[in-house]
Amino acid sequence: MQRCAGNMSKSSYDTDEDGVVDKAEGVRVVTDYPESPSLGDVVVKDGKVYVRVSNG
């Protein structure tokens, strides 16, 4: 994972100023996987990031 340095976009935030983006627009923390995710949906489950990248 690459650390975010310098200016960050409006949709990302480094709330504890450790150089790592903590929150980004559209990222949701979940306890169960979404039943019908759209392509590009990003979720965090159990500390891991998941992205829907195909229809398969």
PDB file of N, CA and C in Angstrom:
ATOM      1  N   MET A   1       0.847  -1.178   0.000  1.00  0.00           N
ATOM      2  CA  MET A   1       0.000   0.000   0.000  1.00  0.00           C
ATOM      3  C   MET A   1       0.886   1.232   0.000  1.00  0.00           C
ATOM      4  N   GLN A   2       0.543   2.178  -0.829  1.00  0.00           N
ATOM      5  CA  GLN A   2       1.341   3.380  -0.944  1.00  0.00           C
ATOM      6  C   GLN A   2       0.814   4.449  -0.003  1.00  0.00           C
ATOM      7  N   ARG A   3       1.726   5.113   0.685  1.00  0.00           N
ATOM      8  CA  ARG A   3       1.326   6.195   1.581  1.00  0.00           C
ATOM      9  C   ARG A   3       1.024   7.449   0.777  1.00  0.00           C
ATOM     10  N   CYS A   4       0.093   8.229   1.259  1.00  0.00           N
ATOM     11  CA  CYS A   4      -0.293   9.464   0.584  1.00  0.00           C
ATOM     12  C   CYS A   4       0.586  10.598   1.109  1.00  0.00           C
ATOM     13  N   ALA A   5       1.275  11.264   0.247  1.00  0.00           N
ATOM     14  CA  ALA A   5       2.143  12.364   0.661  1.00  0.00           C
ATOM     15  C   ALA A   5       1.740  13.629  -0.081  1.00  0.00           C
ATOM     16  N   GLY A   6       2.034  14.756   0.505  1.00  0.00           N
ATOM     17  CA  GLY A   6       1.725  16.023  -0.145  1.00  0.00           C
ATOM     18  C   GLY A   6       0.255  16.362  -0.062  1.00  0.00           C
ATOM     19  N   ASN A   7      -0.227  17.139  -1.022  1.00  0.00           N
ATOM     20  CA  ASN A   7      -1.626  17.549  -1.033  1.00  0.00           C
ATOM     21  C   ASN A   7      -2.524  16.370  -1.376  1.00  0.00           C
ATOM     22  N   MET A   8      -3.608  16.237  -0.630  1.00  0.00           N
ATOM     23  CA  MET A   8      -4.568  15.172  -0.889  1.00  0.00           C
ATOM     24  C   MET A   8      -5.801  15.770  -1.547  1.00  0.00           C
ATOM     25  N   SER A   9      -6.530  14.965  -2.287  1.00  0.00           N
ATOM     26  CA  SER A   9      -7.739  15.454  -2.936  1.00  0.00           C
ATOM     27  C   SER A   9      -8.808  15.764  -1.898  1.00  0.00           C
ATOM     28  N   LYS A  10      -9.848  16.463  -2.322  1.00  0.00           N
ATOM     29  CA  LYS A  10     -10.937  16.823  -1.424  1.00  0.00           C
ATOM     30  C   LYS A  10     -11.653  15.605  -0.862  1.00  0.00           C
ATOM     31  N   SER A  11     -11.586  14.469  -1.567  1.00  0.00           N
ATOM     32  CA  SER A  11     -12.341  13.297  -1.135  1.00  0.00           C
ATOM     33  C   SER A  11     -11.549  12.389  -0.203  1.00  0.00           C
ATOM     34  N   SER A  12     -10.330  12.766   0.172  1.00  0.00           N
ATOM     35  CA  SER A  12      -9.553  11.924   1.070  1.00  0.00           C
ATOM     36  C   SER A  12      -9.055  12.737   2.254  1.00  0.00           C
ATOM     37  N   TYR A  13      -8.924  12.070   3.381  1.00  0.00           N
ATOM     38  CA  TYR A  13      -8.590  12.759   4.620  1.00  0.00           C
ATOM     39  C   TYR A  13      -7.571  11.957   5.414  1.00  0.00           C
ATOM     40  N   ASP A  14      -6.644  12.639   6.041  1.00  0.00           N
ATOM     41  CA  ASP A  14      -5.670  12.024   6.934  1.00  0.00           C
ATOM     42  C   ASP A  14      -5.963  12.579   8.325  1.00  0.00           C
ATOM     43  N   THR A  15      -6.936  11.990   9.012  1.00  0.00           N
ATOM     44  CA  THR A  15      -7.440  12.576  10.249  1.00  0.00           C
ATOM     45  C   THR A  15      -6.434  12.567  11.384  1.00  0.00           C
ATOM     46  N   ASP A  16      -5.536  11.587  11.420  1.00  0.00           N
ATOM     47  CA  ASP A  16      -4.553  11.575  12.502  1.00  0.00           C
ATOM     48  C   ASP A  16      -3.172  12.036  12.031  1.00  0.00           C
ATOM     49  N   GLU A  17      -3.100  12.573  10.818  1.00  0.00           N
ATOM     50  CA  GLU A  17      -1.898  13.172  10.248  1.00  0.00           C
ATOM     51  C   GLU A  17      -0.683  12.256  10.299  1.00  0.00           C
ATOM     52  N   ASP A  18      -0.892  10.951  10.005  1.00  0.00           N
ATOM     53  CA  ASP A  18       0.228  10.009   9.978  1.00  0.00           C
ATOM     54  C   ASP A  18       0.705   9.734   8.559  1.00  0.00           C
ATOM     55  N   GLY A  19       0.163  10.456   7.568  1.00  0.00           N
ATOM     56  CA  GLY A  19       0.574  10.278   6.187  1.00  0.00           C
ATOM     57  C   GLY A  19      -0.224   9.237   5.439  1.00  0.00           C
ATOM     58  N   VAL A  20      -1.193   8.597   6.100  1.00  0.00           N
ATOM     59  CA  VAL A  20      -2.017   7.573   5.467  1.00  0.00           C
ATOM     60  C   VAL A  20      -3.453   8.075   5.406  1.00  0.00           C
ATOM     61  N   VAL A  21      -4.082   7.938   4.254  1.00  0.00           N
ATOM     62  CA  VAL A  21      -5.473   8.364   4.115  1.00  0.00           C
ATOM     63  C   VAL A  21      -6.348   7.461   4.969  1.00  0.00           C
ATOM     64  N   ASP A  22      -7.120   8.052   5.877  1.00  0.00           N
ATOM     65  CA  ASP A  22      -7.961   7.286   6.786  1.00  0.00           C
ATOM     66  C   ASP A  22      -9.361   7.067   6.236  1.00  0.00           C
ATOM     67  N   LYS A  23      -9.868   8.019   5.492  1.00  0.00           N
ATOM     68  CA  LYS A  23     -11.232   7.933   4.972  1.00  0.00           C
ATOM     69  C   LYS A  23     -11.235   8.467   3.554  1.00  0.00           C
ATOM     70  N   ALA A  24     -12.055   7.880   2.725  1.00  0.00           N
ATOM     71  CA  ALA A  24     -12.206   8.378   1.356  1.00  0.00           C
ATOM     72  C   ALA A  24     -13.681   8.321   0.991  1.00  0.00           C
ATOM     73  N   GLU A  25     -14.097   9.211   0.141  1.00  0.00           N
ATOM     74  CA  GLU A  25     -15.493   9.269  -0.278  1.00  0.00           C
ATOM     75  C   GLU A  25     -15.896   7.956  -0.927  1.00  0.00           C
ATOM     76  N   GLY A  26     -17.015   7.400  -0.503  1.00  0.00           N
ATOM     77  CA  GLY A  26     -17.531   6.183  -1.110  1.00  0.00           C
ATOM     78  C   GLY A  26     -17.051   4.892  -0.481  1.00  0.00           C
ATOM     79  N   VAL A  27     -16.113   4.945   0.459  1.00  0.00           N
ATOM     80  CA  VAL A  27     -15.635   3.734   1.123  1.00  0.00           C
ATOM     81  C   VAL A  27     -16.492   3.503   2.358  1.00  0.00           C
ATOM     82  N   ARG A  28     -17.030   2.277   2.483  1.00  0.00           N
ATOM     83  CA  ARG A  28     -17.887   1.950   3.629  1.00  0.00           C
ATOM     84  C   ARG A  28     -17.258   0.829   4.439  1.00  0.00           C
ATOM     85  N   VAL A  29     -17.357   0.929   5.764  1.00  0.00           N
ATOM     86  CA  VAL A  29     -16.941  -0.158   6.646  1.00  0.00           C
ATOM     87  C   VAL A  29     -18.165  -1.026   6.879  1.00  0.00           C
ATOM     88  N   VAL A  30     -18.034  -2.343   6.633  1.00  0.00           N
ATOM     89  CA  VAL A  30     -19.172  -3.254   6.737  1.00  0.00           C
ATOM     90  C   VAL A  30     -18.811  -4.457   7.600  1.00  0.00           C
ATOM     91  N   THR A  31     -19.840  -5.124   8.128  1.00  0.00           N
ATOM     92  CA  THR A  31     -19.632  -6.380   8.852  1.00  0.00           C
ATOM     93  C   THR A  31     -19.983  -7.575   7.981  1.00  0.00           C
ATOM     94  N   ASP A  32     -20.841  -7.362   6.974  1.00  0.00           N
ATOM     95  CA  ASP A  32     -21.201  -8.396   5.999  1.00  0.00           C
ATOM     96  C   ASP A  32     -21.027  -7.815   4.605  1.00  0.00           C
ATOM     97  N   TYR A  33     -20.679  -8.668   3.642  1.00  0.00           N
ATOM     98  CA  TYR A  33     -20.531  -8.207   2.266  1.00  0.00           C
ATOM     99  C   TYR A  33     -21.885  -7.742   1.733  1.00  0.00           C
ATOM    100  N   PRO A  34     -21.911  -6.666   0.925  1.00  0.00           N
ATOM    101  CA  PRO A  34     -23.163  -6.226   0.310  1.00  0.00           C
ATOM    102  C   PRO A  34     -23.718  -7.320  -0.603  1.00  0.00           C
ATOM    103  N   GLU A  35     -25.047  -7.476  -0.629  1.00  0.00           N
ATOM    104  CA  GLU A  35     -25.660  -8.525  -1.448  1.00  0.00           C
ATOM    105  C   GLU A  35     -25.594  -8.227  -2.936  1.00  0.00           C
ATOM    106  N   SER A  36     -25.757  -6.977  -3.331  1.00  0.00           N
ATOM    107  CA  SER A  36     -25.748  -6.611  -4.755  1.00  0.00           C
ATOM    108  C   SER A  36     -24.845  -5.402  -4.984  1.00  0.00           C
ATOM    109  N   PRO A  37     -23.526  -5.567  -4.842  1.00  0.00           N
ATOM    110  CA  PRO A  37     -22.646  -4.409  -5.030  1.00  0.00           C
ATOM    111  C   PRO A  37     -22.558  -4.007  -6.497  1.00  0.00           C
ATOM    112  N   SER A  38     -22.386  -2.726  -6.740  1.00  0.00           N
ATOM    113  CA  SER A  38     -22.183  -2.206  -8.094  1.00  0.00           C
ATOM    114  C   SER A  38     -20.706  -2.300  -8.437  1.00  0.00           C
ATOM    115  N   LEU A  39     -20.397  -2.272  -9.731  1.00  0.00           N
ATOM    116  CA  LEU A  39     -18.995  -2.237 -10.138  1.00  0.00           C
ATOM    117  C   LEU A  39     -18.324  -1.021  -9.516  1.00  0.00           C
ATOM    118  N   GLY A  40     -17.155  -1.214  -8.957  1.00  0.00           N
ATOM    119  CA  GLY A  40     -16.415  -0.121  -8.347  1.00  0.00           C
ATOM    120  C   GLY A  40     -16.740   0.131  -6.892  1.00  0.00           C
ATOM    121  N   ASP A  41     -17.733  -0.564  -6.328  1.00  0.00           N
ATOM    122  CA  ASP A  41     -18.034  -0.406  -4.904  1.00  0.00           C
ATOM    123  C   ASP A  41     -16.810  -0.786  -4.083  1.00  0.00           C
ATOM    124  N   VAL A  42     -16.498   0.027  -3.079  1.00  0.00           N
ATOM    125  CA  VAL A  42     -15.353  -0.218  -2.208  1.00  0.00           C
ATOM    126  C   VAL A  42     -15.866  -0.356  -0.784  1.00  0.00           C
ATOM    127  N   VAL A  43     -15.516  -1.467  -0.124  1.00  0.00           N
ATOM    128  CA  VAL A  43     -15.901  -1.669   1.268  1.00  0.00           C
ATOM    129  C   VAL A  43     -14.689  -2.150   2.058  1.00  0.00           C
ATOM    130  N   VAL A  44     -14.729  -1.913   3.362  1.00  0.00           N
ATOM    131  CA  VAL A  44     -13.713  -2.424   4.275  1.00  0.00           C
ATOM    132  C   VAL A  44     -14.405  -3.404   5.199  1.00  0.00           C
ATOM    133  N   LYS A  45     -13.902  -4.639   5.242  1.00  0.00           N
ATOM    134  CA  LYS A  45     -14.456  -5.678   6.116  1.00  0.00           C
ATOM    135  C   LYS A  45     -13.295  -6.328   6.847  1.00  0.00           C
ATOM    136  N   ASP A  46     -13.376  -6.366   8.160  1.00  0.00           N
ATOM    137  CA  ASP A  46     -12.328  -6.966   8.993  1.00  0.00           C
ATOM    138  C   ASP A  46     -10.952  -6.374   8.696  1.00  0.00           C
ATOM    139  N   GLY A  47     -10.905  -5.066   8.439  1.00  0.00           N
ATOM    140  CA  GLY A  47      -9.641  -4.385   8.206  1.00  0.00           C
ATOM    141  C   GLY A  47      -9.055  -4.563   6.817  1.00  0.00           C
ATOM    142  N   LYS A  48      -9.778  -5.225   5.915  1.00  0.00           N
ATOM    143  CA  LYS A  48      -9.303  -5.435   4.545  1.00  0.00           C
ATOM    144  C   LYS A  48     -10.207  -4.701   3.568  1.00  0.00           C
ATOM    145  N   VAL A  49      -9.625  -4.193   2.491  1.00  0.00           N
ATOM    146  CA  VAL A  49     -10.364  -3.436   1.485  1.00  0.00           C
ATOM    147  C   VAL A  49     -10.761  -4.357   0.341  1.00  0.00           C
ATOM    148  N   TYR A  50     -12.039  -4.289  -0.057  1.00  0.00           N
ATOM    149  CA  TYR A  50     -12.560  -5.089  -1.164  1.00  0.00           C
ATOM    150  C   TYR A  50     -13.196  -4.166  -2.192  1.00  0.00           C
ATOM    151  N   VAL A  51     -12.950  -4.449  -3.486  1.00  0.00           N
ATOM    152  CA  VAL A  51     -13.497  -3.646  -4.580  1.00  0.00           C
ATOM    153  C   VAL A  51     -14.141  -4.581  -5.588  1.00  0.00           C
ATOM    154  N   ARG A  52     -15.368  -4.277  -6.012  1.00  0.00           N
ATOM    155  CA  ARG A  52     -16.027  -5.071  -7.058  1.00  0.00           C
ATOM    156  C   ARG A  52     -15.480  -4.624  -8.395  1.00  0.00           C
ATOM    157  N   VAL A  53     -14.805  -5.551  -9.109  1.00  0.00           N
ATOM    158  CA  VAL A  53     -14.143  -5.177 -10.357  1.00  0.00           C
ATOM    159  C   VAL A  53     -14.689  -5.887 -11.586  1.00  0.00           C
ATOM    160  N   SER A  54     -15.581  -6.880 -11.412  1.00  0.00           N
ATOM    161  CA  SER A  54     -16.127  -7.568 -12.583  1.00  0.00           C
ATOM    162  C   SER A  54     -17.550  -8.023 -12.306  1.00  0.00           C
ATOM    163  N   ASN A  55     -18.232  -8.459 -13.362  1.00  0.00           N
ATOM    164  CA  ASN A  55     -19.594  -8.966 -13.228  1.00  0.00           C
ATOM    165  C   ASN A  55     -19.625 -10.458 -12.962  1.00  0.00           C
ATOM    166  N   GLY A  56     -18.475 -11.100 -12.887  1.00  0.00           N
ATOM    167  CA  GLY A  56     -18.410 -12.551 -12.741  1.00  0.00           C
ATOM    168  C   GLY A  56     -18.544 -13.093 -11.376  1.00  0.00           C
TER     169      GLY A  56
END
